[in-house]
Amino acid sequence: MPLLLLAILFSLVALVCAAFLIVHAFRRSVGTGVMVLLIPCYVLFYAFSQFEHRRKGLIVAGFMSCTVLAAVFLGLSVHAVTAATAHVPPPGF
């Protein structure tokens, strides 16, 4: 269960960082904002090439790392829950 809480925590941090990117993209233009919102790979291109913020490094690094960590911890927690709820009969039955 602690892995699921870590996944939620990292997801929230990634969501906050993504909000900075999306708001900046919509302030630039509606088309850019829609592309950042709807095209998953474009958000990475936008973050590295067009995103301008005085804390750009922290926001982009937080978005990238927290997204990966959230996915890893979510996968580990699902695996742990699946293993705990699987009823495997002992050998010999």
PDB file of N, CA and C in Angstrom:
ATOM      1  N   MET A   1       0.800  -1.207   0.000  1.00  0.00           N
ATOM      2  CA  MET A   1       0.000   0.000   0.000  1.00  0.00           C
ATOM      3  C   MET A   1       0.846   1.276   0.000  1.00  0.00           C
ATOM      4  N   PRO A   2       2.017   1.290   0.647  1.00  0.00           N
ATOM      5  CA  PRO A   2       2.828   2.518   0.581  1.00  0.00           C
ATOM      6  C   PRO A   2       3.289   2.845  -0.839  1.00  0.00           C
ATOM      7  N   LEU A   3       3.435   1.818  -1.685  1.00  0.00           N
ATOM      8  CA  LEU A   3       3.842   2.089  -3.067  1.00  0.00           C
ATOM      9  C   LEU A   3       2.750   2.842  -3.815  1.00  0.00           C
ATOM     10  N   LEU A   4       1.507   2.514  -3.516  1.00  0.00           N
ATOM     11  CA  LEU A   4       0.398   3.222  -4.159  1.00  0.00           C
ATOM     12  C   LEU A   4       0.353   4.680  -3.707  1.00  0.00           C
ATOM     13  N   LEU A   5       0.645   4.921  -2.446  1.00  0.00           N
ATOM     14  CA  LEU A   5       0.677   6.306  -1.953  1.00  0.00           C
ATOM     15  C   LEU A   5       1.808   7.093  -2.606  1.00  0.00           C
ATOM     16  N   LEU A   6       2.959   6.436  -2.809  1.00  0.00           N
ATOM     17  CA  LEU A   6       4.055   7.109  -3.516  1.00  0.00           C
ATOM     18  C   LEU A   6       3.678   7.403  -4.966  1.00  0.00           C
ATOM     19  N   ALA A   7       2.982   6.469  -5.605  1.00  0.00           N
ATOM     20  CA  ALA A   7       2.532   6.693  -6.982  1.00  0.00           C
ATOM     21  C   ALA A   7       1.584   7.885  -7.043  1.00  0.00           C
ATOM     22  N   ILE A   8       0.691   7.992  -6.078  1.00  0.00           N
ATOM     23  CA  ILE A   8      -0.239   9.124  -6.046  1.00  0.00           C
ATOM     24  C   ILE A   8       0.512  10.426  -5.808  1.00  0.00           C
ATOM     25  N   LEU A   9       1.470  10.417  -4.902  1.00  0.00           N
ATOM     26  CA  LEU A   9       2.251  11.621  -4.605  1.00  0.00           C
ATOM     27  C   LEU A   9       3.013  12.097  -5.837  1.00  0.00           C
ATOM     28  N   PHE A  10       3.707  11.177  -6.508  1.00  0.00           N
ATOM     29  CA  PHE A  10       4.460  11.563  -7.705  1.00  0.00           C
ATOM     30  C   PHE A  10       3.536  11.985  -8.835  1.00  0.00           C
ATOM     31  N   SER A  11       2.365  11.388  -8.913  1.00  0.00           N
ATOM     32  CA  SER A  11       1.392  11.801  -9.931  1.00  0.00           C
ATOM     33  C   SER A  11       0.922  13.229  -9.690  1.00  0.00           C
ATOM     34  N   LEU A  12       0.708  13.580  -8.444  1.00  0.00           N
ATOM     35  CA  LEU A  12       0.272  14.948  -8.133  1.00  0.00           C
ATOM     36  C   LEU A  12       1.360  15.969  -8.456  1.00  0.00           C
ATOM     37  N   VAL A  13       2.609  15.634  -8.161  1.00  0.00           N
ATOM     38  CA  VAL A  13       3.712  16.548  -8.489  1.00  0.00           C
ATOM     39  C   VAL A  13       3.835  16.694 -10.009  1.00  0.00           C
ATOM     40  N   ALA A  14       3.709  15.588 -10.739  1.00  0.00           N
ATOM     41  CA  ALA A  14       3.756  15.656 -12.203  1.00  0.00           C
ATOM     42  C   ALA A  14       2.589  16.467 -12.754  1.00  0.00           C
ATOM     43  N   LEU A  15       1.426  16.345 -12.120  1.00  0.00           N
ATOM     44  CA  LEU A  15       0.258  17.111 -12.552  1.00  0.00           C
ATOM     45  C   LEU A  15       0.468  18.612 -12.350  1.00  0.00           C
ATOM     46  N   VAL A  16       1.074  18.988 -11.246  1.00  0.00           N
ATOM     47  CA  VAL A  16       1.353  20.413 -10.997  1.00  0.00           C
ATOM     48  C   VAL A  16       2.348  20.947 -12.028  1.00  0.00           C
ATOM     49  N   CYS A  17       3.386  20.163 -12.309  1.00  0.00           N
ATOM     50  CA  CYS A  17       4.365  20.587 -13.317  1.00  0.00           C
ATOM     51  C   CYS A  17       3.729  20.662 -14.702  1.00  0.00           C
ATOM     52  N   ALA A  18       2.864  19.707 -15.012  1.00  0.00           N
ATOM     53  CA  ALA A  18       2.175  19.731 -16.309  1.00  0.00           C
ATOM     54  C   ALA A  18       1.244  20.928 -16.402  1.00  0.00           C
ATOM     55  N   ALA A  19       0.655  21.334 -15.286  1.00  0.00           N
ATOM     56  CA  ALA A  19      -0.217  22.507 -15.297  1.00  0.00           C
ATOM     57  C   ALA A  19       0.556  23.761 -15.690  1.00  0.00           C
ATOM     58  N   PHE A  20       1.795  23.891 -15.203  1.00  0.00           N
ATOM     59  CA  PHE A  20       2.628  25.024 -15.614  1.00  0.00           C
ATOM     60  C   PHE A  20       2.845  25.014 -17.127  1.00  0.00           C
ATOM     61  N   LEU A  21       3.142  23.833 -17.665  1.00  0.00           N
ATOM     62  CA  LEU A  21       3.378  23.724 -19.109  1.00  0.00           C
ATOM     63  C   LEU A  21       2.129  24.044 -19.915  1.00  0.00           C
ATOM     64  N   ILE A  22       0.992  23.532 -19.482  1.00  0.00           N
ATOM     65  CA  ILE A  22      -0.252  23.733 -20.231  1.00  0.00           C
ATOM     66  C   ILE A  22      -0.700  25.186 -20.178  1.00  0.00           C
ATOM     67  N   VAL A  23      -0.614  25.802 -19.012  1.00  0.00           N
ATOM     68  CA  VAL A  23      -1.014  27.207 -18.890  1.00  0.00           C
ATOM     69  C   VAL A  23      -0.113  28.083 -19.762  1.00  0.00           C
ATOM     70  N   HIS A  24       1.184  27.806 -19.752  1.00  0.00           N
ATOM     71  CA  HIS A  24       2.109  28.585 -20.579  1.00  0.00           C
ATOM     72  C   HIS A  24       1.797  28.399 -22.061  1.00  0.00           C
ATOM     73  N   ALA A  25       1.472  27.175 -22.446  1.00  0.00           N
ATOM     74  CA  ALA A  25       1.162  26.902 -23.855  1.00  0.00           C
ATOM     75  C   ALA A  25      -0.118  27.612 -24.283  1.00  0.00           C
ATOM     76  N   PHE A  26      -1.142  27.622 -23.440  1.00  0.00           N
ATOM     77  CA  PHE A  26      -2.377  28.321 -23.801  1.00  0.00           C
ATOM     78  C   PHE A  26      -2.194  29.831 -23.812  1.00  0.00           C
ATOM     79  N   ARG A  27      -1.297  30.353 -23.001  1.00  0.00           N
ATOM     80  CA  ARG A  27      -1.014  31.794 -23.053  1.00  0.00           C
ATOM     81  C   ARG A  27      -0.291  32.157 -24.344  1.00  0.00           C
ATOM     82  N   ARG A  28       0.464  31.221 -24.868  1.00  0.00           N
ATOM     83  CA  ARG A  28       1.174  31.469 -26.122  1.00  0.00           C
ATOM     84  C   ARG A  28       0.184  31.509 -27.278  1.00  0.00           C
ATOM     85  N   SER A  29      -0.648  30.474 -27.402  1.00  0.00           N
ATOM     86  CA  SER A  29      -1.738  30.459 -28.381  1.00  0.00           C
ATOM     87  C   SER A  29      -2.650  29.280 -28.065  1.00  0.00           C
ATOM     88  N   VAL A  30      -3.881  29.380 -28.530  1.00  0.00           N
ATOM     89  CA  VAL A  30      -4.847  28.315 -28.268  1.00  0.00           C
ATOM     90  C   VAL A  30      -4.435  27.033 -28.994  1.00  0.00           C
ATOM     91  N   GLY A  31      -3.931  27.171 -30.201  1.00  0.00           N
ATOM     92  CA  GLY A  31      -3.499  25.995 -30.962  1.00  0.00           C
ATOM     93  C   GLY A  31      -2.365  25.253 -30.284  1.00  0.00           C
ATOM     94  N   THR A  32      -1.399  26.000 -29.787  1.00  0.00           N
ATOM     95  CA  THR A  32      -0.286  25.376 -29.080  1.00  0.00           C
ATOM     96  C   THR A  32      -0.779  24.706 -27.802  1.00  0.00           C
ATOM     97  N   GLY A  33      -1.683  25.347 -27.099  1.00  0.00           N
ATOM     98  CA  GLY A  33      -2.227  24.765 -25.877  1.00  0.00           C
ATOM     99  C   GLY A  33      -2.981  23.475 -26.132  1.00  0.00           C
ATOM    100  N   VAL A  34      -3.762  23.453 -27.201  1.00  0.00           N
ATOM    101  CA  VAL A  34      -4.507  22.230 -27.543  1.00  0.00           C
ATOM    102  C   VAL A  34      -3.542  21.123 -27.944  1.00  0.00           C
ATOM    103  N   MET A  35      -2.495  21.469 -28.675  1.00  0.00           N
ATOM    104  CA  MET A  35      -1.510  20.456 -29.064  1.00  0.00           C
ATOM    105  C   MET A  35      -0.792  19.897 -27.841  1.00  0.00           C
ATOM    106  N   VAL A  36      -0.405  20.750 -26.905  1.00  0.00           N
ATOM    107  CA  VAL A  36       0.259  20.277 -25.682  1.00  0.00           C
ATOM    108  C   VAL A  36      -0.691  19.410 -24.868  1.00  0.00           C
ATOM    109  N   LEU A  37      -1.950  19.777 -24.857  1.00  0.00           N
ATOM    110  CA  LEU A  37      -2.940  19.044 -24.067  1.00  0.00           C
ATOM    111  C   LEU A  37      -3.286  17.692 -24.676  1.00  0.00           C
ATOM    112  N   LEU A  38      -3.320  17.593 -25.999  1.00  0.00           N
ATOM    113  CA  LEU A  38      -3.842  16.391 -26.637  1.00  0.00           C
ATOM    114  C   LEU A  38      -2.799  15.474 -27.273  1.00  0.00           C
ATOM    115  N   ILE A  39      -1.621  15.974 -27.584  1.00  0.00           N
ATOM    116  CA  ILE A  39      -0.599  15.154 -28.236  1.00  0.00           C
ATOM    117  C   ILE A  39       0.495  14.859 -27.210  1.00  0.00           C
ATOM    118  N   PRO A  40       0.600  13.604 -26.771  1.00  0.00           N
ATOM    119  CA  PRO A  40       1.531  13.286 -25.680  1.00  0.00           C
ATOM    120  C   PRO A  40       2.990  13.616 -25.981  1.00  0.00           C
ATOM    121  N   CYS A  41       3.463  13.348 -27.177  1.00  0.00           N
ATOM    122  CA  CYS A  41       4.867  13.608 -27.477  1.00  0.00           C
ATOM    123  C   CYS A  41       5.160  15.096 -27.676  1.00  0.00           C
ATOM    124  N   TYR A  42       4.147  15.862 -28.031  1.00  0.00           N
ATOM    125  CA  TYR A  42       4.374  17.289 -28.266  1.00  0.00           C
ATOM    126  C   TYR A  42       4.687  18.027 -26.966  1.00  0.00           C
ATOM    127  N   VAL A  43       4.161  17.543 -25.858  1.00  0.00           N
ATOM    128  CA  VAL A  43       4.449  18.204 -24.584  1.00  0.00           C
ATOM    129  C   VAL A  43       5.944  18.148 -24.281  1.00  0.00           C
ATOM    130  N   LEU A  44       6.610  17.076 -24.658  1.00  0.00           N
ATOM    131  CA  LEU A  44       8.057  16.990 -24.453  1.00  0.00           C
ATOM    132  C   LEU A  44       8.796  17.959 -25.366  1.00  0.00           C
ATOM    133  N   PHE A  45       8.378  18.010 -26.640  1.00  0.00           N
ATOM    134  CA  PHE A  45       8.987  18.955 -27.568  1.00  0.00           C
ATOM    135  C   PHE A  45       8.789  20.391 -27.082  1.00  0.00           C
ATOM    136  N   TYR A  46       7.579  20.696 -26.656  1.00  0.00           N
ATOM    137  CA  TYR A  46       7.280  22.051 -26.192  1.00  0.00           C
ATOM    138  C   TYR A  46       8.076  22.384 -24.936  1.00  0.00           C
ATOM    139  N   ALA A  47       8.177  21.433 -24.019  1.00  0.00           N
ATOM    140  CA  ALA A  47       8.879  21.688 -22.755  1.00  0.00           C
ATOM    141  C   ALA A  47      10.347  22.024 -22.990  1.00  0.00           C
ATOM    142  N   PHE A  48      10.972  21.343 -23.931  1.00  0.00           N
ATOM    143  CA  PHE A  48      12.395  21.571 -24.162  1.00  0.00           C
ATOM    144  C   PHE A  48      12.676  22.723 -25.118  1.00  0.00           C
ATOM    145  N   SER A  49      11.773  23.007 -26.051  1.00  0.00           N
ATOM    146  CA  SER A  49      12.112  23.994 -27.071  1.00  0.00           C
ATOM    147  C   SER A  49      11.427  25.347 -26.897  1.00  0.00           C
ATOM    148  N   GLN A  50      10.188  25.397 -26.430  1.00  0.00           N
ATOM    149  CA  GLN A  50       9.456  26.654 -26.430  1.00  0.00           C
ATOM    150  C   GLN A  50       9.048  27.150 -25.035  1.00  0.00           C
ATOM    151  N   PHE A  51       9.112  26.303 -24.039  1.00  0.00           N
ATOM    152  CA  PHE A  51       8.707  26.686 -22.692  1.00  0.00           C
ATOM    153  C   PHE A  51       9.736  27.644 -22.107  1.00  0.00           C
ATOM    154  N   GLU A  52       9.260  28.815 -21.672  1.00  0.00           N
ATOM    155  CA  GLU A  52      10.145  29.825 -21.101  1.00  0.00           C
ATOM    156  C   GLU A  52       9.646  30.191 -19.713  1.00  0.00           C
ATOM    157  N   HIS A  53      10.438  29.851 -18.727  1.00  0.00           N
ATOM    158  CA  HIS A  53      10.094  30.146 -17.336  1.00  0.00           C
ATOM    159  C   HIS A  53      11.400  30.236 -16.575  1.00  0.00           C
ATOM    160  N   ARG A  54      11.429  31.035 -15.540  1.00  0.00           N
ATOM    161  CA  ARG A  54      12.694  31.171 -14.824  1.00  0.00           C
ATOM    162  C   ARG A  54      13.048  29.901 -14.066  1.00  0.00           C
ATOM    163  N   ARG A  55      12.088  29.035 -13.812  1.00  0.00           N
ATOM    164  CA  ARG A  55      12.327  27.740 -13.162  1.00  0.00           C
ATOM    165  C   ARG A  55      12.109  26.583 -14.153  1.00  0.00           C
ATOM    166  N   LYS A  56      12.482  26.802 -15.404  1.00  0.00           N
ATOM    167  CA  LYS A  56      12.238  25.814 -16.459  1.00  0.00           C
ATOM    168  C   LYS A  56      12.874  24.467 -16.134  1.00  0.00           C
ATOM    169  N   GLY A  57      14.106  24.475 -15.696  1.00  0.00           N
ATOM    170  CA  GLY A  57      14.798  23.221 -15.395  1.00  0.00           C
ATOM    171  C   GLY A  57      14.108  22.420 -14.316  1.00  0.00           C
ATOM    172  N   LEU A  58      13.671  23.082 -13.280  1.00  0.00           N
ATOM    173  CA  LEU A  58      12.990  22.400 -12.176  1.00  0.00           C
ATOM    174  C   LEU A  58      11.632  21.860 -12.605  1.00  0.00           C
ATOM    175  N   ILE A  59      10.900  22.630 -13.377  1.00  0.00           N
ATOM    176  CA  ILE A  59       9.561  22.211 -13.810  1.00  0.00           C
ATOM    177  C   ILE A  59       9.649  21.046 -14.793  1.00  0.00           C
ATOM    178  N   VAL A  60      10.535  21.141 -15.776  1.00  0.00           N
ATOM    179  CA  VAL A  60      10.658  20.073 -16.767  1.00  0.00           C
ATOM    180  C   VAL A  60      11.215  18.803 -16.121  1.00  0.00           C
ATOM    181  N   ALA A  61      12.230  18.948 -15.280  1.00  0.00           N
ATOM    182  CA  ALA A  61      12.784  17.778 -14.600  1.00  0.00           C
ATOM    183  C   ALA A  61      11.762  17.154 -13.657  1.00  0.00           C
ATOM    184  N   GLY A  62      10.993  17.985 -12.972  1.00  0.00           N
ATOM    185  CA  GLY A  62       9.948  17.454 -12.097  1.00  0.00           C
ATOM    186  C   GLY A  62       8.876  16.725 -12.865  1.00  0.00           C
ATOM    187  N   PHE A  63       8.483  17.272 -14.002  1.00  0.00           N
ATOM    188  CA  PHE A  63       7.465  16.627 -14.832  1.00  0.00           C
ATOM    189  C   PHE A  63       7.951  15.274 -15.347  1.00  0.00           C
ATOM    190  N   MET A  64       9.150  15.266 -15.912  1.00  0.00           N
ATOM    191  CA  MET A  64       9.676  14.025 -16.492  1.00  0.00           C
ATOM    192  C   MET A  64       9.924  12.963 -15.429  1.00  0.00           C
ATOM    193  N   SER A  65      10.635  13.328 -14.372  1.00  0.00           N
ATOM    194  CA  SER A  65      11.005  12.321 -13.372  1.00  0.00           C
ATOM    195  C   SER A  65       9.796  11.834 -12.577  1.00  0.00           C
ATOM    196  N   CYS A  66       8.903  12.730 -12.219  1.00  0.00           N
ATOM    197  CA  CYS A  66       7.739  12.309 -11.448  1.00  0.00           C
ATOM    198  C   CYS A  66       6.770  11.478 -12.285  1.00  0.00           C
ATOM    199  N   THR A  67       6.695  11.730 -13.576  1.00  0.00           N
ATOM    200  CA  THR A  67       5.864  10.897 -14.438  1.00  0.00           C
ATOM    201  C   THR A  67       6.408   9.473 -14.492  1.00  0.00           C
ATOM    202  N   VAL A  68       7.711   9.345 -14.658  1.00  0.00           N
ATOM    203  CA  VAL A  68       8.327   8.014 -14.707  1.00  0.00           C
ATOM    204  C   VAL A  68       8.202   7.312 -13.354  1.00  0.00           C
ATOM    205  N   LEU A  69       8.481   8.026 -12.268  1.00  0.00           N
ATOM    206  CA  LEU A  69       8.388   7.408 -10.944  1.00  0.00           C
ATOM    207  C   LEU A  69       6.960   7.005 -10.604  1.00  0.00           C
ATOM    208  N   ALA A  70       5.993   7.812 -10.994  1.00  0.00           N
ATOM    209  CA  ALA A  70       4.595   7.456 -10.742  1.00  0.00           C
ATOM    210  C   ALA A  70       4.225   6.185 -11.499  1.00  0.00           C
ATOM    211  N   ALA A  71       4.673   6.068 -12.737  1.00  0.00           N
ATOM    212  CA  ALA A  71       4.376   4.859 -13.514  1.00  0.00           C
ATOM    213  C   ALA A  71       5.042   3.629 -12.907  1.00  0.00           C
ATOM    214  N   VAL A  72       6.277   3.768 -12.463  1.00  0.00           N
ATOM    215  CA  VAL A  72       6.992   2.646 -11.860  1.00  0.00           C
ATOM    216  C   VAL A  72       6.316   2.203 -10.569  1.00  0.00           C
ATOM    217  N   PHE A  73       6.020   3.148  -9.687  1.00  0.00           N
ATOM    218  CA  PHE A  73       5.397   2.781  -8.413  1.00  0.00           C
ATOM    219  C   PHE A  73       3.976   2.265  -8.596  1.00  0.00           C
ATOM    220  N   LEU A  74       3.269   2.763  -9.583  1.00  0.00           N
ATOM    221  CA  LEU A  74       1.935   2.234  -9.857  1.00  0.00           C
ATOM    222  C   LEU A  74       2.022   0.795 -10.363  1.00  0.00           C
ATOM    223  N   GLY A  75       2.963   0.524 -11.235  1.00  0.00           N
ATOM    224  CA  GLY A  75       3.153  -0.843 -11.712  1.00  0.00           C
ATOM    225  C   GLY A  75       3.559  -1.792 -10.603  1.00  0.00           C
ATOM    226  N   LEU A  76       4.465  -1.336  -9.727  1.00  0.00           N
ATOM    227  CA  LEU A  76       4.879  -2.177  -8.602  1.00  0.00           C
ATOM    228  C   LEU A  76       3.740  -2.422  -7.625  1.00  0.00           C
ATOM    229  N   SER A  77       2.923  -1.425  -7.388  1.00  0.00           N
ATOM    230  CA  SER A  77       1.813  -1.610  -6.442  1.00  0.00           C
ATOM    231  C   SER A  77       0.750  -2.536  -7.027  1.00  0.00           C
ATOM    232  N   VAL A  78       0.486  -2.437  -8.319  1.00  0.00           N
ATOM    233  CA  VAL A  78      -0.469  -3.350  -8.952  1.00  0.00           C
ATOM    234  C   VAL A  78       0.063  -4.777  -8.902  1.00  0.00           C
ATOM    235  N   HIS A  79       1.359  -4.938  -9.138  1.00  0.00           N
ATOM    236  CA  HIS A  79       1.953  -6.267  -9.061  1.00  0.00           C
ATOM    237  C   HIS A  79       1.865  -6.819  -7.633  1.00  0.00           C
ATOM    238  N   ALA A  80       2.105  -5.993  -6.641  1.00  0.00           N
ATOM    239  CA  ALA A  80       2.032  -6.447  -5.242  1.00  0.00           C
ATOM    240  C   ALA A  80       0.611  -6.833  -4.855  1.00  0.00           C
ATOM    241  N   VAL A  81      -0.356  -6.052  -5.289  1.00  0.00           N
ATOM    242  CA  VAL A  81      -1.753  -6.372  -4.979  1.00  0.00           C
ATOM    243  C   VAL A  81      -2.172  -7.657  -5.691  1.00  0.00           C
ATOM    244  N   THR A  82      -1.752  -7.823  -6.929  1.00  0.00           N
ATOM    245  CA  THR A  82      -2.082  -9.039  -7.674  1.00  0.00           C
ATOM    246  C   THR A  82      -1.455 -10.270  -7.023  1.00  0.00           C
ATOM    247  N   ALA A  83      -0.210 -10.148  -6.599  1.00  0.00           N
ATOM    248  CA  ALA A  83       0.466 -11.274  -5.956  1.00  0.00           C
ATOM    249  C   ALA A  83      -0.166 -11.598  -4.602  1.00  0.00           C
ATOM    250  N   ALA A  84      -0.608 -10.581  -3.883  1.00  0.00           N
ATOM    251  CA  ALA A  84      -1.208 -10.815  -2.569  1.00  0.00           C
ATOM    252  C   ALA A  84      -2.592 -11.440  -2.675  1.00  0.00           C
ATOM    253  N   THR A  85      -3.319 -11.135  -3.740  1.00  0.00           N
ATOM    254  CA  THR A  85      -4.680 -11.656  -3.864  1.00  0.00           C
ATOM    255  C   THR A  85      -4.757 -12.941  -4.670  1.00  0.00           C
ATOM    256  N   ALA A  86      -3.664 -13.379  -5.267  1.00  0.00           N
ATOM    257  CA  ALA A  86      -3.670 -14.622  -6.046  1.00  0.00           C
ATOM    258  C   ALA A  86      -3.680 -15.798  -5.074  1.00  0.00           C
ATOM    259  N   HIS A  87      -4.612 -16.677  -5.280  1.00  0.00           N
ATOM    260  CA  HIS A  87      -4.716 -17.865  -4.423  1.00  0.00           C
ATOM    261  C   HIS A  87      -4.133 -19.048  -5.182  1.00  0.00           C
ATOM    262  N   VAL A  88      -2.885 -19.298  -4.965  1.00  0.00           N
ATOM    263  CA  VAL A  88      -2.206 -20.403  -5.620  1.00  0.00           C
ATOM    264  C   VAL A  88      -2.268 -21.600  -4.675  1.00  0.00           C
ATOM    265  N   PRO A  89      -2.820 -22.703  -5.110  1.00  0.00           N
ATOM    266  CA  PRO A  89      -2.889 -23.864  -4.224  1.00  0.00           C
ATOM    267  C   PRO A  89      -1.480 -24.431  -3.988  1.00  0.00           C
ATOM    268  N   PRO A  90      -1.254 -24.984  -2.820  1.00  0.00           N
ATOM    269  CA  PRO A  90       0.071 -25.553  -2.568  1.00  0.00           C
ATOM    270  C   PRO A  90       0.321 -26.747  -3.481  1.00  0.00           C
ATOM    271  N   PRO A  91       1.579 -27.072  -3.743  1.00  0.00           N
ATOM    272  CA  PRO A  91       1.889 -28.192  -4.634  1.00  0.00           C
ATOM    273  C   PRO A  91       1.368 -29.519  -4.053  1.00  0.00           C
ATOM    274  N   GLY A  92       0.898 -30.363  -4.934  1.00  0.00           N
ATOM    275  CA  GLY A  92       0.438 -31.673  -4.518  1.00  0.00           C
ATOM    276  C   GLY A  92      -1.066 -31.810  -4.501  1.00  0.00           C
ATOM    277  N   PHE A  93      -1.774 -30.758  -4.787  1.00  0.00           N
ATOM    278  CA  PHE A  93      -3.248 -30.850  -4.800  1.00  0.00           C
ATOM    279  C   PHE A  93      -3.769 -30.933  -6.185  1.00  0.00           C
TER     280      PHE A  93
END
